[in-house]
Amino acid sequence: MPDHHSSPPSILILLLKLLLLLCVLGMLAVGLSPLYQAFMRLTGLGATVPAPARVASQPVSLSIDETAPGQAWQVRPLQGPQQVKPGQFVQLMVEVRNNQPHFAAMQALPQYQPVSAAAYVQKLDCFCFSQQLFSPGQVRRFPVVLVIGKQLPAQLRRISLSYQIQDQPA
C-alpha cells in the first residue's frame, strides 16, 4: 500500500528549492550588471565614445621647424608652412645634414607643438621610423607623409613638427 503522506512534503521541498533558485538567479542578475559594466570599462570593450568637442573643419597651419645651426645634425624644411585640412594627406620634404667629420648613424624623434597635437597627427612615412646612416657632411632629403585626424579640436589652428636627432651606434 503506497504511502500518500510522503508526497506533499516532497512537493513542498521542491517548491522551496525552486523559490531559492529564483532568488539566487535574481541576485546574480542584479549583481552581475555592475560587474559586467566594470569589466567592460576596464578592458575597453564596451567603451562609449564621448561626444566630441567642436572639431576643426578649417585648414590648419602645419610646419616643420629647422634645427639651430652649428649642431652635429641639421634638419631643414624644404617648404614653408602648409595649410592642411583635417583628413587630408600631406607630404612635406626635409633636408638632413650630417655636420660631423665622420660616418654617423642617427635616429630622429618627432616632437609636436602644441604637445596635444600629437594625438591627431598620424605619420605614414617618415625618416624617423628607422635609423639613418650618413657619411661625413652628407645631405639627404626625406619625405614626411602624414594626415591630421578629422577629430582635431577647432582651437588647434597651428601645428609645428620638429625633430630631436640622437646619434646611434653605426
C-alpha atoms as a PDB file:
ATOM      1  CA  MET A   1       0.000   0.000   0.000  1.00  0.00           C
ATOM      2  CA  PRO A   2       1.505   3.300  -1.072  1.00  0.00           C
ATOM      3  CA  ASP A   3       2.240   5.980   1.474  1.00  0.00           C
ATOM      4  CA  HIS A   4       0.290   9.120   0.444  1.00  0.00           C
ATOM      5  CA  HIS A   5       1.673  11.215   3.285  1.00  0.00           C
ATOM      6  CA  SER A   6       5.225  11.367   1.855  1.00  0.00           C
ATOM      7  CA  SER A   7       4.201  13.126  -1.422  1.00  0.00           C
ATOM      8  CA  PRO A   8       3.104  16.548  -0.102  1.00  0.00           C
ATOM      9  CA  PRO A   9       6.353  17.228   1.788  1.00  0.00           C
ATOM     10  CA  SER A  10       8.454  16.372  -1.308  1.00  0.00           C
ATOM     11  CA  ILE A  11       6.413  18.818  -3.447  1.00  0.00           C
ATOM     12  CA  LEU A  12       6.810  21.466  -0.768  1.00  0.00           C
ATOM     13  CA  ILE A  13      10.586  20.878  -0.680  1.00  0.00           C
ATOM     14  CA  LEU A  14      10.735  21.068  -4.487  1.00  0.00           C
ATOM     15  CA  LEU A  15       8.812  24.381  -4.490  1.00  0.00           C
ATOM     16  CA  LEU A  16      11.117  25.809  -1.793  1.00  0.00           C
ATOM     17  CA  LYS A  17      14.168  24.780  -3.835  1.00  0.00           C
ATOM     18  CA  LEU A  18      12.730  26.429  -6.948  1.00  0.00           C
ATOM     19  CA  LEU A  19      11.980  29.607  -4.991  1.00  0.00           C
ATOM     20  CA  LEU A  20      15.535  29.602  -3.607  1.00  0.00           C
ATOM     21  CA  LEU A  21      16.935  29.090  -7.127  1.00  0.00           C
ATOM     22  CA  LEU A  22      14.855  32.025  -8.445  1.00  0.00           C
ATOM     23  CA  CYS A  23      16.125  34.251  -5.621  1.00  0.00           C
ATOM     24  CA  VAL A  24      19.754  33.298  -6.345  1.00  0.00           C
ATOM     25  CA  LEU A  25      19.298  33.924 -10.081  1.00  0.00           C
ATOM     26  CA  GLY A  26      17.640  37.272  -9.378  1.00  0.00           C
ATOM     27  CA  MET A  27      20.528  38.347  -7.136  1.00  0.00           C
ATOM     28  CA  LEU A  28      23.044  37.241  -9.775  1.00  0.00           C
ATOM     29  CA  ALA A  29      21.217  39.190 -12.469  1.00  0.00           C
ATOM     30  CA  VAL A  30      21.193  42.330 -10.323  1.00  0.00           C
ATOM     31  CA  GLY A  31      24.772  41.867  -9.100  1.00  0.00           C
ATOM     32  CA  LEU A  32      26.362  40.908 -12.413  1.00  0.00           C
ATOM     33  CA  SER A  33      25.257  44.023 -14.258  1.00  0.00           C
ATOM     34  CA  PRO A  34      27.619  46.358 -12.345  1.00  0.00           C
ATOM     35  CA  LEU A  35      30.383  43.738 -12.530  1.00  0.00           C
ATOM     36  CA  TYR A  36      29.840  43.372 -16.277  1.00  0.00           C
ATOM     37  CA  GLN A  37      29.911  47.150 -16.780  1.00  0.00           C
ATOM     38  CA  ALA A  38      33.095  47.469 -14.696  1.00  0.00           C
ATOM     39  CA  PHE A  39      34.737  44.677 -16.711  1.00  0.00           C
ATOM     40  CA  MET A  40      33.778  46.345 -19.997  1.00  0.00           C
ATOM     41  CA  ARG A  41      35.155  49.722 -18.813  1.00  0.00           C
ATOM     42  CA  LEU A  42      38.435  48.174 -17.616  1.00  0.00           C
ATOM     43  CA  THR A  43      39.049  46.242 -20.821  1.00  0.00           C
ATOM     44  CA  GLY A  44      37.780  48.978 -23.133  1.00  0.00           C
ATOM     45  CA  LEU A  45      35.468  46.504 -24.864  1.00  0.00           C
ATOM     46  CA  GLY A  46      32.370  48.485 -24.061  1.00  0.00           C
ATOM     47  CA  ALA A  47      33.911  51.898 -24.386  1.00  0.00           C
ATOM     48  CA  THR A  48      31.478  54.635 -25.088  1.00  0.00           C
ATOM     49  CA  VAL A  49      32.750  57.477 -27.180  1.00  0.00           C
ATOM     50  CA  PRO A  50      32.131  60.823 -25.545  1.00  0.00           C
ATOM     51  CA  ALA A  51      30.525  63.497 -27.622  1.00  0.00           C
ATOM     52  CA  PRO A  52      33.373  65.219 -29.447  1.00  0.00           C
ATOM     53  CA  ALA A  53      34.227  68.802 -28.790  1.00  0.00           C
ATOM     54  CA  ARG A  54      33.796  71.127 -31.704  1.00  0.00           C
ATOM     55  CA  VAL A  55      36.110  69.760 -34.378  1.00  0.00           C
ATOM     56  CA  ALA A  56      38.156  71.667 -36.906  1.00  0.00           C
ATOM     57  CA  SER A  57      36.740  71.982 -40.386  1.00  0.00           C
ATOM     58  CA  GLN A  58      39.025  74.823 -41.422  1.00  0.00           C
ATOM     59  CA  PRO A  59      42.599  74.268 -42.621  1.00  0.00           C
ATOM     60  CA  VAL A  60      45.367  74.058 -40.027  1.00  0.00           C
ATOM     61  CA  SER A  61      48.812  75.587 -40.437  1.00  0.00           C
ATOM     62  CA  LEU A  62      51.373  72.759 -40.426  1.00  0.00           C
ATOM     63  CA  SER A  63      55.105  73.437 -40.389  1.00  0.00           C
ATOM     64  CA  ILE A  64      58.407  71.704 -39.725  1.00  0.00           C
ATOM     65  CA  ASP A  65      60.863  73.628 -37.571  1.00  0.00           C
ATOM     66  CA  GLU A  66      64.510  73.971 -38.538  1.00  0.00           C
ATOM     67  CA  THR A  67      67.159  72.933 -36.027  1.00  0.00           C
ATOM     68  CA  ALA A  68      69.571  75.592 -34.824  1.00  0.00           C
ATOM     69  CA  PRO A  69      72.723  75.896 -36.969  1.00  0.00           C
ATOM     70  CA  GLY A  70      76.033  74.618 -35.654  1.00  0.00           C
ATOM     71  CA  GLN A  71      74.718  71.335 -34.279  1.00  0.00           C
ATOM     72  CA  ALA A  72      76.028  67.892 -35.242  1.00  0.00           C
ATOM     73  CA  TRP A  73      72.823  67.278 -37.196  1.00  0.00           C
ATOM     74  CA  GLN A  74      70.747  69.845 -39.031  1.00  0.00           C
ATOM     75  CA  VAL A  75      67.137  69.374 -40.107  1.00  0.00           C
ATOM     76  CA  ARG A  76      65.722  71.945 -42.519  1.00  0.00           C
ATOM     77  CA  PRO A  77      62.246  72.005 -44.066  1.00  0.00           C
ATOM     78  CA  LEU A  78      62.181  72.426 -47.839  1.00  0.00           C
ATOM     79  CA  GLN A  79      58.902  74.358 -47.818  1.00  0.00           C
ATOM     80  CA  GLY A  80      57.174  76.798 -45.539  1.00  0.00           C
ATOM     81  CA  PRO A  81      54.019  76.261 -43.502  1.00  0.00           C
ATOM     82  CA  GLN A  82      51.250  74.387 -45.326  1.00  0.00           C
ATOM     83  CA  GLN A  83      47.519  74.892 -44.945  1.00  0.00           C
ATOM     84  CA  VAL A  84      46.131  71.392 -44.373  1.00  0.00           C
ATOM     85  CA  LYS A  85      42.515  70.311 -43.975  1.00  0.00           C
ATOM     86  CA  PRO A  86      41.893  67.647 -41.329  1.00  0.00           C
ATOM     87  CA  GLY A  87      41.638  64.268 -43.063  1.00  0.00           C
ATOM     88  CA  GLN A  88      43.832  65.390 -45.982  1.00  0.00           C
ATOM     89  CA  PHE A  89      47.084  63.555 -46.744  1.00  0.00           C
ATOM     90  CA  VAL A  90      50.106  65.847 -46.949  1.00  0.00           C
ATOM     91  CA  GLN A  91      53.727  65.324 -47.942  1.00  0.00           C
ATOM     92  CA  LEU A  92      56.419  67.616 -46.604  1.00  0.00           C
ATOM     93  CA  MET A  93      60.097  67.391 -47.524  1.00  0.00           C
ATOM     94  CA  VAL A  94      63.003  67.820 -45.131  1.00  0.00           C
ATOM     95  CA  GLU A  95      66.725  68.007 -45.631  1.00  0.00           C
ATOM     96  CA  VAL A  96      69.004  66.384 -43.058  1.00  0.00           C
ATOM     97  CA  ARG A  97      72.722  67.170 -42.898  1.00  0.00           C
ATOM     98  CA  ASN A  98      75.449  65.357 -41.004  1.00  0.00           C
ATOM     99  CA  ASN A  99      77.765  68.194 -39.909  1.00  0.00           C
ATOM    100  CA  GLN A 100      80.221  65.755 -38.316  1.00  0.00           C
ATOM    101  CA  PRO A 101      83.591  64.893 -39.893  1.00  0.00           C
ATOM    102  CA  HIS A 102      82.896  61.135 -39.698  1.00  0.00           C
ATOM    103  CA  PHE A 103      80.366  58.497 -40.712  1.00  0.00           C
ATOM    104  CA  ALA A 104      77.430  58.574 -38.343  1.00  0.00           C
ATOM    105  CA  ALA A 105      74.053  56.989 -37.711  1.00  0.00           C
ATOM    106  CA  MET A 106      71.100  58.848 -36.297  1.00  0.00           C
ATOM    107  CA  GLN A 107      67.555  58.331 -35.117  1.00  0.00           C
ATOM    108  CA  ALA A 108      65.083  61.201 -35.353  1.00  0.00           C
ATOM    109  CA  LEU A 109      62.483  61.668 -32.608  1.00  0.00           C
ATOM    110  CA  PRO A 110      59.445  63.753 -33.595  1.00  0.00           C
ATOM    111  CA  GLN A 111      58.082  66.425 -31.277  1.00  0.00           C
ATOM    112  CA  TYR A 112      54.884  68.434 -31.691  1.00  0.00           C
ATOM    113  CA  GLN A 113      53.852  71.884 -30.602  1.00  0.00           C
ATOM    114  CA  PRO A 114      51.410  72.034 -29.016  1.00  0.00           C
ATOM    115  CA  VAL A 115      52.083  68.650 -27.429  1.00  0.00           C
ATOM    116  CA  SER A 116      48.362  67.779 -27.565  1.00  0.00           C
ATOM    117  CA  ALA A 117      48.538  67.820 -31.393  1.00  0.00           C
ATOM    118  CA  ALA A 118      50.470  64.519 -31.366  1.00  0.00           C
ATOM    119  CA  ALA A 119      47.230  62.634 -30.712  1.00  0.00           C
ATOM    120  CA  TYR A 120      45.787  63.902 -34.010  1.00  0.00           C
ATOM    121  CA  VAL A 121      48.783  63.512 -36.354  1.00  0.00           C
ATOM    122  CA  GLN A 122      49.357  60.140 -37.985  1.00  0.00           C
ATOM    123  CA  LYS A 123      52.653  59.798 -39.824  1.00  0.00           C
ATOM    124  CA  LEU A 124      52.513  57.327 -42.725  1.00  0.00           C
ATOM    125  CA  ASP A 125      56.082  57.742 -43.971  1.00  0.00           C
ATOM    126  CA  CYS A 126      58.930  59.363 -42.089  1.00  0.00           C
ATOM    127  CA  PHE A 127      62.703  59.164 -41.873  1.00  0.00           C
ATOM    128  CA  CYS A 128      62.135  58.915 -38.125  1.00  0.00           C
ATOM    129  CA  PHE A 129      60.749  55.373 -38.498  1.00  0.00           C
ATOM    130  CA  SER A 130      64.235  53.883 -38.774  1.00  0.00           C
ATOM    131  CA  GLN A 131      67.888  54.601 -38.148  1.00  0.00           C
ATOM    132  CA  GLN A 132      69.622  56.567 -40.941  1.00  0.00           C
ATOM    133  CA  LEU A 133      73.293  56.285 -41.933  1.00  0.00           C
ATOM    134  CA  PHE A 134      75.272  59.300 -43.228  1.00  0.00           C
ATOM    135  CA  SER A 135      78.779  59.883 -44.498  1.00  0.00           C
ATOM    136  CA  PRO A 136      80.708  62.976 -43.301  1.00  0.00           C
ATOM    137  CA  GLY A 137      78.964  66.160 -44.457  1.00  0.00           C
ATOM    138  CA  GLN A 138      76.275  64.218 -46.339  1.00  0.00           C
ATOM    139  CA  VAL A 139      72.933  65.896 -47.045  1.00  0.00           C
ATOM    140  CA  ARG A 140      69.836  63.785 -47.708  1.00  0.00           C
ATOM    141  CA  ARG A 141      66.232  64.668 -48.474  1.00  0.00           C
ATOM    142  CA  PHE A 142      63.327  62.769 -46.986  1.00  0.00           C
ATOM    143  CA  PRO A 143      59.533  62.884 -47.389  1.00  0.00           C
ATOM    144  CA  VAL A 144      57.319  63.115 -44.345  1.00  0.00           C
ATOM    145  CA  VAL A 145      53.823  61.901 -45.225  1.00  0.00           C
ATOM    146  CA  LEU A 146      51.068  62.405 -42.685  1.00  0.00           C
ATOM    147  CA  VAL A 147      47.403  63.013 -42.139  1.00  0.00           C
ATOM    148  CA  ILE A 148      45.788  65.160 -39.475  1.00  0.00           C
ATOM    149  CA  GLY A 149      42.792  63.486 -37.857  1.00  0.00           C
ATOM    150  CA  LYS A 150      39.331  64.845 -38.551  1.00  0.00           C
ATOM    151  CA  GLN A 151      38.681  64.957 -34.800  1.00  0.00           C
ATOM    152  CA  LEU A 152      41.272  67.728 -34.350  1.00  0.00           C
ATOM    153  CA  PRO A 153      39.790  70.247 -31.889  1.00  0.00           C
ATOM    154  CA  ALA A 154      38.876  73.556 -33.514  1.00  0.00           C
ATOM    155  CA  GLN A 155      41.122  75.512 -31.129  1.00  0.00           C
ATOM    156  CA  LEU A 156      44.230  73.831 -32.627  1.00  0.00           C
ATOM    157  CA  ARG A 157      44.931  76.149 -35.559  1.00  0.00           C
ATOM    158  CA  ARG A 158      48.699  75.657 -35.843  1.00  0.00           C
ATOM    159  CA  ILE A 159      50.882  72.553 -35.525  1.00  0.00           C
ATOM    160  CA  SER A 160      54.669  72.599 -35.566  1.00  0.00           C
ATOM    161  CA  LEU A 161      56.701  69.441 -36.028  1.00  0.00           C
ATOM    162  CA  SER A 162      60.350  69.336 -35.013  1.00  0.00           C
ATOM    163  CA  TYR A 163      62.904  66.572 -34.738  1.00  0.00           C
ATOM    164  CA  GLN A 164      65.363  65.804 -31.978  1.00  0.00           C
ATOM    165  CA  ILE A 165      68.274  63.903 -33.518  1.00  0.00           C
ATOM    166  CA  GLN A 166      70.096  61.275 -31.479  1.00  0.00           C
ATOM    167  CA  ASP A 167      73.405  59.728 -32.524  1.00  0.00           C
ATOM    168  CA  GLN A 168      73.246  55.961 -32.817  1.00  0.00           C
ATOM    169  CA  PRO A 169      75.994  53.348 -32.937  1.00  0.00           C
ATOM    170  CA  ALA A 170      76.715  52.655 -36.609  1.00  0.00           C
END
